[in-house]
Amino acid sequence: MRELQEKISRMERDLSMKRHFIEDLRSRMKANQENEKTFNEMLENLEKKVKTLTEDCSNKKTSIDSLKQRLNVATKEKAQYEQ
């Protein structure tokens, strides 16, 4: 009889520990899901910024190329005018 009570006591203790472990894992999972959501939002914002900056850089490169061509034309015209 005493052995059965000890066995029941151990099983109840084990069950309690397992329930606590499950609760701990659930809370960790919830925290990780919230972190994942935050990181995904940050990643999305950063990807948008990269896209915007890439487009801006491309536009500025085009503008620089155009200004270089205008400078070359103006330099040639100046050289012809001075001759």
C-alpha atoms as a PDB file:
ATOM      1  CA  MET A   1       0.000   0.000   0.000  1.00  0.00           C
ATOM      2  CA  ARG A   2       2.792   2.418   0.935  1.00  0.00           C
ATOM      3  CA  GLU A   3       4.615   1.618  -2.306  1.00  0.00           C
ATOM      4  CA  LEU A   4       1.513   2.527  -4.298  1.00  0.00           C
ATOM      5  CA  GLN A   5       1.177   5.836  -2.448  1.00  0.00           C
ATOM      6  CA  GLU A   6       4.829   6.633  -3.137  1.00  0.00           C
ATOM      7  CA  LYS A   7       4.372   5.684  -6.768  1.00  0.00           C
ATOM      8  CA  ILE A   8       1.273   7.904  -7.020  1.00  0.00           C
ATOM      9  CA  SER A   9       3.147  10.723  -5.314  1.00  0.00           C
ATOM     10  CA  ARG A  10       6.043  10.414  -7.779  1.00  0.00           C
ATOM     11  CA  MET A  11       3.657  10.289 -10.722  1.00  0.00           C
ATOM     12  CA  GLU A  12       1.805  13.388  -9.488  1.00  0.00           C
ATOM     13  CA  ARG A  13       5.124  15.190  -9.038  1.00  0.00           C
ATOM     14  CA  ASP A  14       6.248  14.143 -12.522  1.00  0.00           C
ATOM     15  CA  LEU A  15       2.922  15.238 -13.970  1.00  0.00           C
ATOM     16  CA  SER A  16       3.192  18.607 -12.248  1.00  0.00           C
ATOM     17  CA  MET A  17       6.740  19.082 -13.551  1.00  0.00           C
ATOM     18  CA  LYS A  18       5.652  18.160 -17.078  1.00  0.00           C
ATOM     19  CA  ARG A  19       2.743  20.622 -16.919  1.00  0.00           C
ATOM     20  CA  HIS A  20       5.105  23.341 -15.748  1.00  0.00           C
ATOM     21  CA  PHE A  21       7.532  22.435 -18.544  1.00  0.00           C
ATOM     22  CA  ILE A  22       4.721  22.604 -21.121  1.00  0.00           C
ATOM     23  CA  GLU A  23       3.617  26.016 -19.811  1.00  0.00           C
ATOM     24  CA  ASP A  24       7.205  27.240 -19.999  1.00  0.00           C
ATOM     25  CA  LEU A  25       7.555  25.995 -23.588  1.00  0.00           C
ATOM     26  CA  ARG A  26       4.266  27.657 -24.558  1.00  0.00           C
ATOM     27  CA  SER A  27       5.364  30.986 -23.110  1.00  0.00           C
ATOM     28  CA  ARG A  28       8.717  30.717 -24.904  1.00  0.00           C
ATOM     29  CA  MET A  29       6.943  29.874 -28.148  1.00  0.00           C
ATOM     30  CA  LYS A  30       4.642  32.889 -27.759  1.00  0.00           C
ATOM     31  CA  ALA A  31       7.609  35.187 -27.080  1.00  0.00           C
ATOM     32  CA  ASN A  32       9.472  33.781 -30.100  1.00  0.00           C
ATOM     33  CA  GLN A  33       6.422  34.265 -32.328  1.00  0.00           C
ATOM     34  CA  GLU A  34       6.165  37.894 -31.213  1.00  0.00           C
ATOM     35  CA  ASN A  35       9.884  38.384 -31.882  1.00  0.00           C
ATOM     36  CA  GLU A  36       9.495  36.776 -35.291  1.00  0.00           C
ATOM     37  CA  LYS A  37       6.638  39.136 -36.129  1.00  0.00           C
ATOM     38  CA  THR A  38       8.729  42.140 -35.083  1.00  0.00           C
ATOM     39  CA  PHE A  39      11.745  40.938 -37.062  1.00  0.00           C
ATOM     40  CA  ASN A  40       9.599  40.279 -40.140  1.00  0.00           C
ATOM     41  CA  GLU A  41       8.210  43.821 -39.954  1.00  0.00           C
ATOM     42  CA  MET A  42      11.734  45.210 -39.592  1.00  0.00           C
ATOM     43  CA  LEU A  43      12.913  43.115 -42.540  1.00  0.00           C
ATOM     44  CA  GLU A  44      10.020  44.320 -44.683  1.00  0.00           C
ATOM     45  CA  ASN A  45      10.793  47.954 -43.813  1.00  0.00           C
ATOM     46  CA  LEU A  46      14.483  47.462 -44.563  1.00  0.00           C
ATOM     47  CA  GLU A  47      13.685  45.817 -47.904  1.00  0.00           C
ATOM     48  CA  LYS A  48      11.496  48.809 -48.807  1.00  0.00           C
ATOM     49  CA  LYS A  49      14.313  51.183 -47.843  1.00  0.00           C
ATOM     50  CA  VAL A  50      16.806  49.210 -49.929  1.00  0.00           C
ATOM     51  CA  LYS A  51      14.447  49.317 -52.916  1.00  0.00           C
ATOM     52  CA  THR A  52      13.905  53.068 -52.503  1.00  0.00           C
ATOM     53  CA  LEU A  53      17.621  53.765 -52.105  1.00  0.00           C
ATOM     54  CA  THR A  54      18.451  51.571 -55.100  1.00  0.00           C
ATOM     55  CA  GLU A  55      15.971  53.463 -57.259  1.00  0.00           C
ATOM     56  CA  ASP A  56      17.306  56.785 -55.963  1.00  0.00           C
ATOM     57  CA  CYS A  57      20.873  55.709 -56.687  1.00  0.00           C
ATOM     58  CA  SER A  58      19.907  54.638 -60.201  1.00  0.00           C
ATOM     59  CA  ASN A  59      18.191  57.969 -60.840  1.00  0.00           C
ATOM     60  CA  LYS A  60      21.214  59.879 -59.555  1.00  0.00           C
ATOM     61  CA  LYS A  61      23.538  57.797 -61.729  1.00  0.00           C
ATOM     62  CA  THR A  62      21.410  58.609 -64.768  1.00  0.00           C
ATOM     63  CA  SER A  63      21.474  62.284 -63.822  1.00  0.00           C
ATOM     64  CA  ILE A  64      25.267  62.214 -63.380  1.00  0.00           C
ATOM     65  CA  ASP A  65      25.706  60.540 -66.775  1.00  0.00           C
ATOM     66  CA  SER A  66      23.507  63.202 -68.373  1.00  0.00           C
ATOM     67  CA  LEU A  67      25.482  65.994 -66.699  1.00  0.00           C
ATOM     68  CA  LYS A  68      28.755  64.427 -67.885  1.00  0.00           C
ATOM     69  CA  GLN A  69      27.463  64.385 -71.458  1.00  0.00           C
ATOM     70  CA  ARG A  70      26.360  68.021 -71.185  1.00  0.00           C
ATOM     71  CA  LEU A  71      29.767  68.950 -69.766  1.00  0.00           C
ATOM     72  CA  ASN A  72      31.535  67.164 -72.624  1.00  0.00           C
ATOM     73  CA  VAL A  73      29.379  68.968 -75.183  1.00  0.00           C
ATOM     74  CA  ALA A  74      29.965  72.322 -73.474  1.00  0.00           C
ATOM     75  CA  THR A  75      33.715  71.658 -73.310  1.00  0.00           C
ATOM     76  CA  LYS A  76      33.816  70.801 -77.036  1.00  0.00           C
ATOM     77  CA  GLU A  77      31.783  73.890 -77.909  1.00  0.00           C
ATOM     78  CA  LYS A  78      34.089  76.049 -75.800  1.00  0.00           C
ATOM     79  CA  ALA A  79      37.160  74.552 -77.479  1.00  0.00           C
ATOM     80  CA  GLN A  80      35.644  75.224 -80.917  1.00  0.00           C
ATOM     81  CA  TYR A  81      34.695  78.764 -79.920  1.00  0.00           C
ATOM     82  CA  GLU A  82      38.195  79.528 -78.647  1.00  0.00           C
ATOM     83  CA  GLN A  83      39.819  78.380 -81.901  1.00  0.00           C
END
